[in-house]
Amino acid sequence: MLVFKKVADLQHWLNAERRAGKTVGFAPTMGALHEGHLSLVHAAKQECDLAVVSIFVNPTQFNDPKDLEKYPRMPEVDAALLMQAGCDALLMPPVEEVYPPGLELTVRLDFRQLDQVMEGVFRPGHFIGMATVVKRLLDIVAPQRLYMGQKDFQQLSIVRDMLDQLRSPIQLVMCPTTREADGLAMSSRNLRLTPAMRAAAPVIYRSLLEAQADFVQENATTVQARALEKLAAAGLRPEYFDIVDGISLLPVAQGADADFVVACVAAWAGEVRLIDNLVLKGAPG
């Protein structure tokens, strides 16, 4: 595996590989890698000639400076994991390589309600920062396919919309959420959970599974209320449990109201904020 710190060096190598006819799959990450991230690499290796990963803790998508400061960083461990997973190239750039001084790179697209609901309510500015860094990294790597995990469903929805608005030829591939044995969605933030909160956190997935079963016959309001109560009873502090159209992210009242329905949840487990989601009906088109 090749490791690049400078954008120009990665691009020089990629250009030579592309001239040889090779296709590129790309997975952007912020490091502290787990099996969920590695599943993106495996998918890229199955469908493309080359798997490229970036590790960049993007300062523009943290609305809380303390959260940025606490975000786990373990570059040597991450690099070893990627090498074992068969990654071909790793980009680990400093901030000035991603955001060169004097260049205005902020994405200014109208995402309509996509960046206003759910996470958008609790993390103002997050999605503009996320979209900006994803576009910048895509411009750098220029892959055929972009691999992202389902766990960050709203993020993935916004990236899909951005690619559509930009008429990008890049194909977005949604990879299933990777879970621990007890159902907790794998996340870099799980490293910060106390033992007590780690024991309680799987209630998030259990609440989603119950919602999936109950939504067949019950309306969204009833299902949401039960889920929020279940999360609070387990000692978590839920921010939302929303049942939405999987494309527009607008609320869905009944199962018949949309072909693709997703339940999305965010809850605090002690001092750690966790998110998860589950498809209740249908699949992305």
Protein backbone atom coordinates (compact mmCIF):
# COMPACT_ATOMS: atom_id res chain seq x y z
CA MET A 1 0.00 0.00 0.00
CA LEU A 2 1.23 3.44 -0.94
CA VAL A 3 0.80 6.29 1.56
CA PHE A 4 0.52 9.85 0.28
CA LYS A 5 0.62 13.11 2.22
CA LYS A 6 0.52 15.41 -0.79
CA VAL A 7 -2.35 15.69 -3.25
CA ALA A 8 -0.07 16.16 -6.25
CA ASP A 9 1.83 12.94 -5.50
CA LEU A 10 -1.38 10.90 -5.26
CA GLN A 11 -2.73 12.41 -8.46
CA HIS A 12 0.52 11.70 -10.31
CA TRP A 13 0.29 8.03 -9.31
CA LEU A 14 -3.44 7.79 -10.09
CA ASN A 15 -2.98 9.35 -13.53
CA ALA A 16 -0.41 6.70 -14.42
CA GLU A 17 -2.72 3.93 -13.17
CA ARG A 18 -5.65 5.33 -15.15
CA ARG A 19 -3.54 5.45 -18.31
CA ALA A 20 -3.03 1.72 -17.76
CA GLY A 21 -6.83 1.33 -17.84
CA LYS A 22 -7.42 0.84 -14.13
CA THR A 23 -10.64 1.86 -12.38
CA VAL A 24 -10.68 3.53 -8.98
CA GLY A 25 -12.96 3.01 -5.98
CA PHE A 26 -12.71 5.55 -3.18
CA ALA A 27 -13.74 5.60 0.48
CA PRO A 28 -13.33 8.86 2.44
CA THR A 29 -12.87 8.40 6.19
CA MET A 30 -11.86 10.33 9.29
CA GLY A 31 -9.78 7.47 10.65
CA ALA A 32 -10.15 5.46 13.87
CA LEU A 33 -11.05 2.69 11.47
CA HIS A 34 -13.20 -0.35 12.25
CA GLU A 35 -14.70 -3.24 10.30
CA GLY A 36 -17.34 -0.92 8.82
CA HIS A 37 -14.65 1.15 7.11
CA LEU A 38 -12.82 -1.97 6.00
CA SER A 39 -16.02 -3.30 4.42
CA LEU A 40 -15.88 -0.26 2.11
CA VAL A 41 -12.37 -1.24 1.06
CA HIS A 42 -13.47 -4.84 0.41
CA ALA A 43 -16.37 -3.60 -1.73
CA ALA A 44 -14.08 -1.29 -3.69
CA LYS A 45 -11.62 -4.11 -4.31
CA GLN A 46 -14.41 -6.37 -5.60
CA GLU A 47 -15.76 -3.81 -8.06
CA CYS A 48 -12.72 -1.74 -9.05
CA ASP A 49 -9.07 -2.32 -9.88
CA LEU A 50 -7.83 0.02 -7.16
CA ALA A 51 -9.10 0.90 -3.68
CA VAL A 52 -8.13 4.35 -2.44
CA VAL A 53 -8.89 5.55 1.10
CA SER A 54 -8.46 8.98 2.65
CA ILE A 55 -8.03 9.68 6.35
CA PHE A 56 -8.76 13.30 7.09
CA VAL A 57 -10.40 14.66 10.24
CA ASN A 58 -12.26 17.47 8.56
CA PRO A 59 -12.44 20.54 10.82
CA THR A 60 -15.24 22.20 8.82
CA GLN A 61 -17.86 19.58 9.72
CA PHE A 62 -17.47 19.80 13.50
CA ASN A 63 -19.79 22.42 14.94
CA ASP A 64 -18.40 21.66 18.42
CA PRO A 65 -14.63 22.35 18.75
CA LYS A 66 -14.47 19.97 21.74
CA ASP A 67 -15.84 17.15 19.58
CA LEU A 68 -13.10 17.80 17.01
CA GLU A 69 -10.48 17.79 19.75
CA LYS A 70 -11.74 14.50 21.22
CA TYR A 71 -12.10 12.70 17.88
CA PRO A 72 -9.88 9.59 18.08
CA ARG A 73 -6.74 9.60 15.95
CA MET A 74 -4.63 6.47 15.44
CA PRO A 75 -2.92 6.75 12.03
CA GLU A 76 -0.41 3.91 12.46
CA VAL A 77 -3.09 1.42 13.51
CA ASP A 78 -5.37 2.61 10.69
CA ALA A 79 -2.64 2.20 8.09
CA ALA A 80 -1.93 -1.36 9.25
CA LEU A 81 -5.63 -2.26 9.04
CA LEU A 82 -5.93 -0.83 5.54
CA MET A 83 -2.87 -2.71 4.38
CA GLN A 84 -4.37 -5.98 5.65
CA ALA A 85 -7.65 -5.17 3.89
CA GLY A 86 -5.90 -4.81 0.54
CA CYS A 87 -6.08 -1.04 0.19
CA ASP A 88 -3.88 0.18 -2.66
CA ALA A 89 -3.37 3.82 -1.69
CA LEU A 90 -3.94 5.90 1.44
CA LEU A 91 -4.15 9.68 1.39
CA MET A 92 -3.41 11.27 4.80
CA PRO A 93 -3.11 14.96 3.98
CA PRO A 94 -2.54 17.91 6.29
CA VAL A 95 -5.29 20.55 6.34
CA GLU A 96 -3.45 22.88 3.96
CA GLU A 97 -3.35 20.17 1.26
CA VAL A 98 -7.12 19.77 1.36
CA TYR A 99 -7.86 23.47 1.86
CA PRO A 100 -5.02 25.40 0.23
CA PRO A 101 -4.81 29.00 1.50
CA GLY A 102 -6.60 31.46 -0.77
CA LEU A 103 -8.83 28.88 -2.45
CA GLU A 104 -12.59 29.15 -1.83
CA LEU A 105 -13.86 25.58 -1.95
CA THR A 106 -17.11 25.77 0.03
CA VAL A 107 -19.94 23.87 -1.65
CA ARG A 108 -22.85 26.26 -2.24
CA LEU A 109 -25.71 24.06 -3.35
CA ASP A 110 -29.32 24.12 -2.24
CA PHE A 111 -29.96 20.79 -0.54
CA ARG A 112 -33.52 21.91 0.26
CA GLN A 113 -34.78 20.02 3.31
CA LEU A 114 -32.09 17.33 3.14
CA ASP A 115 -29.65 19.23 5.35
CA GLN A 116 -32.28 20.90 7.53
CA VAL A 117 -33.92 17.88 9.20
CA MET A 118 -32.63 15.42 11.80
CA GLU A 119 -28.87 15.99 12.06
CA GLY A 120 -29.28 19.40 10.48
CA VAL A 121 -31.36 20.54 13.46
CA PHE A 122 -28.77 19.52 16.04
CA ARG A 123 -25.54 20.10 14.09
CA PRO A 124 -25.89 23.40 12.20
CA GLY A 125 -23.32 23.81 9.44
CA HIS A 126 -22.23 20.18 9.61
CA PHE A 127 -23.48 19.14 6.19
CA ILE A 128 -22.00 22.09 4.29
CA GLY A 129 -18.65 21.17 5.79
CA MET A 130 -19.20 17.50 4.94
CA ALA A 131 -20.29 18.21 1.37
CA THR A 132 -17.36 20.55 0.87
CA VAL A 133 -14.74 18.03 1.95
CA VAL A 134 -16.34 15.15 0.03
CA LYS A 135 -16.43 17.21 -3.16
CA ARG A 136 -12.86 18.32 -2.62
CA LEU A 137 -11.68 14.74 -2.09
CA LEU A 138 -13.63 13.55 -5.13
CA ASP A 139 -12.00 16.27 -7.20
CA ILE A 140 -8.62 15.07 -5.94
CA VAL A 141 -9.15 11.33 -6.44
CA ALA A 142 -11.60 11.36 -9.40
CA PRO A 143 -12.86 7.81 -8.78
CA GLN A 144 -15.39 5.85 -10.79
CA ARG A 145 -17.15 4.76 -7.59
CA LEU A 146 -17.59 6.32 -4.17
CA TYR A 147 -18.18 3.96 -1.23
CA MET A 148 -20.04 5.17 1.86
CA GLY A 149 -21.70 3.38 4.76
CA GLN A 150 -25.43 3.29 5.40
CA LYS A 151 -24.92 4.24 9.06
CA ASP A 152 -24.56 7.89 8.07
CA PHE A 153 -27.75 7.74 6.01
CA GLN A 154 -28.49 11.47 5.91
CA GLN A 155 -24.91 12.21 4.91
CA LEU A 156 -25.16 9.65 2.14
CA SER A 157 -28.48 11.15 0.96
CA ILE A 158 -26.90 14.61 0.71
CA VAL A 159 -23.87 13.29 -1.16
CA ARG A 160 -26.19 11.54 -3.61
CA ASP A 161 -28.08 14.79 -4.13
CA MET A 162 -24.82 16.71 -4.58
CA LEU A 163 -23.62 14.28 -7.25
CA ASP A 164 -26.98 14.60 -9.02
CA GLN A 165 -26.89 18.41 -8.92
CA LEU A 166 -23.32 18.48 -10.23
CA ARG A 167 -24.20 15.89 -12.90
CA SER A 168 -21.21 13.89 -11.71
CA PRO A 169 -20.46 10.57 -13.42
CA ILE A 170 -19.27 9.11 -10.10
CA GLN A 171 -21.42 6.22 -8.89
CA LEU A 172 -22.33 6.31 -5.20
CA VAL A 173 -22.37 2.86 -3.57
CA MET A 174 -24.17 2.46 -0.22
CA CYS A 175 -22.60 -0.30 1.87
CA PRO A 176 -24.60 -1.94 4.69
CA THR A 177 -24.01 -0.85 8.27
CA THR A 178 -21.52 -3.12 10.03
CA ARG A 179 -22.58 -4.07 13.55
CA GLU A 180 -21.12 -5.55 16.70
CA ALA A 181 -22.47 -8.94 17.83
CA ASP A 182 -25.02 -7.18 20.05
CA GLY A 183 -26.26 -4.98 17.19
CA LEU A 184 -24.50 -1.71 18.03
CA ALA A 185 -23.51 0.04 14.82
CA MET A 186 -19.73 0.20 14.54
CA SER A 187 -18.50 3.75 14.99
CA SER A 188 -15.22 5.43 15.81
CA ARG A 189 -17.06 7.17 18.65
CA ASN A 190 -17.76 3.81 20.34
CA LEU A 191 -14.19 3.95 21.64
CA ARG A 192 -15.26 6.78 23.95
CA LEU A 193 -18.20 4.93 25.54
CA THR A 194 -17.95 4.12 29.25
CA PRO A 195 -18.51 0.42 30.12
CA ALA A 196 -22.00 1.23 31.40
CA MET A 197 -22.96 3.16 28.27
CA ARG A 198 -21.43 0.50 26.03
CA ALA A 199 -23.71 -2.02 27.72
CA ALA A 200 -26.76 0.22 27.25
CA ALA A 201 -26.09 1.41 23.69
CA PRO A 202 -27.40 -1.69 21.83
CA VAL A 203 -30.91 -0.55 22.80
CA ILE A 204 -30.63 1.78 19.80
CA TYR A 205 -30.62 -1.11 17.35
CA ARG A 206 -33.28 -2.99 19.31
CA SER A 207 -35.55 0.06 19.11
CA LEU A 208 -35.03 0.17 15.34
CA LEU A 209 -35.86 -3.51 14.95
CA GLU A 210 -39.04 -3.06 16.99
CA ALA A 211 -39.98 -0.06 14.87
CA GLN A 212 -39.47 -2.15 11.73
CA ALA A 213 -41.86 -4.80 13.03
CA ASP A 214 -44.43 -2.36 14.46
CA PHE A 215 -44.58 -0.03 11.46
CA VAL A 216 -46.26 -2.74 9.43
CA GLN A 217 -49.50 -2.12 11.33
CA GLU A 218 -48.99 1.06 13.37
CA ASN A 219 -48.55 4.70 12.42
CA ALA A 220 -45.28 6.57 12.71
CA THR A 221 -46.32 8.68 15.72
CA THR A 222 -47.05 5.60 17.83
CA VAL A 223 -43.87 3.82 16.74
CA GLN A 224 -41.71 6.90 17.39
CA ALA A 225 -43.15 7.51 20.86
CA ARG A 226 -42.50 3.90 21.89
CA ALA A 227 -38.93 4.01 20.59
CA LEU A 228 -38.11 7.28 22.37
CA GLU A 229 -39.49 5.88 25.60
CA LYS A 230 -37.41 2.71 25.21
CA LEU A 231 -34.22 4.69 24.63
CA ALA A 232 -34.80 6.95 27.64
CA ALA A 233 -35.66 3.99 29.89
CA ALA A 234 -32.27 2.45 29.05
CA GLY A 235 -30.47 5.59 30.24
CA LEU A 236 -29.83 7.23 26.87
CA ARG A 237 -30.83 10.79 25.97
CA PRO A 238 -32.53 10.59 22.56
CA GLU A 239 -32.51 13.64 20.31
CA TYR A 240 -34.78 12.24 17.64
CA PHE A 241 -36.31 9.05 16.30
CA ASP A 242 -37.69 9.99 12.89
CA ILE A 243 -39.46 7.87 10.30
CA VAL A 244 -38.81 9.41 6.91
CA ASP A 245 -39.00 8.98 3.17
CA GLY A 246 -35.66 7.46 2.19
CA ILE A 247 -35.13 9.91 -0.66
CA SER A 248 -36.62 13.22 0.50
CA LEU A 249 -36.03 12.63 4.26
CA LEU A 250 -39.46 14.14 4.89
CA PRO A 251 -41.65 12.58 7.61
CA VAL A 252 -43.78 9.57 6.69
CA ALA A 253 -46.99 9.00 8.67
CA GLN A 254 -48.02 5.58 7.37
CA GLY A 255 -46.28 2.77 5.56
CA ALA A 256 -48.43 3.36 2.48
CA ASP A 257 -47.15 6.95 2.16
CA ALA A 258 -43.79 6.04 0.56
CA ASP A 259 -42.09 3.19 -1.26
CA PHE A 260 -38.81 3.62 0.64
CA VAL A 261 -39.01 4.33 4.39
CA VAL A 262 -36.15 4.65 6.87
CA ALA A 263 -36.10 5.09 10.65
CA CYS A 264 -33.25 7.34 11.79
CA VAL A 265 -32.17 7.89 15.39
CA ALA A 266 -29.69 9.97 17.36
CA ALA A 267 -29.11 9.57 21.08
CA TRP A 268 -26.54 10.50 23.68
CA ALA A 269 -24.94 7.60 25.53
CA GLY A 270 -23.34 9.53 28.37
CA GLU A 271 -21.06 12.07 26.68
CA VAL A 272 -21.02 10.26 23.31
CA ARG A 273 -23.55 10.97 20.59
CA LEU A 274 -24.53 7.92 18.52
CA ILE A 275 -26.59 7.67 15.34
CA ASP A 276 -28.11 4.72 13.53
CA ASN A 277 -30.87 3.88 11.05
CA LEU A 278 -32.78 0.97 9.60
CA VAL A 279 -34.80 0.56 6.42
CA LEU A 280 -38.42 -0.10 7.38
CA LYS A 281 -39.73 -0.56 3.86
CA GLY A 282 -38.39 -0.83 0.34
CA ALA A 283 -34.91 -0.03 -0.89
CA PRO A 284 -33.14 2.91 -2.52
CA GLY A 285 -33.95 3.23 -6.18
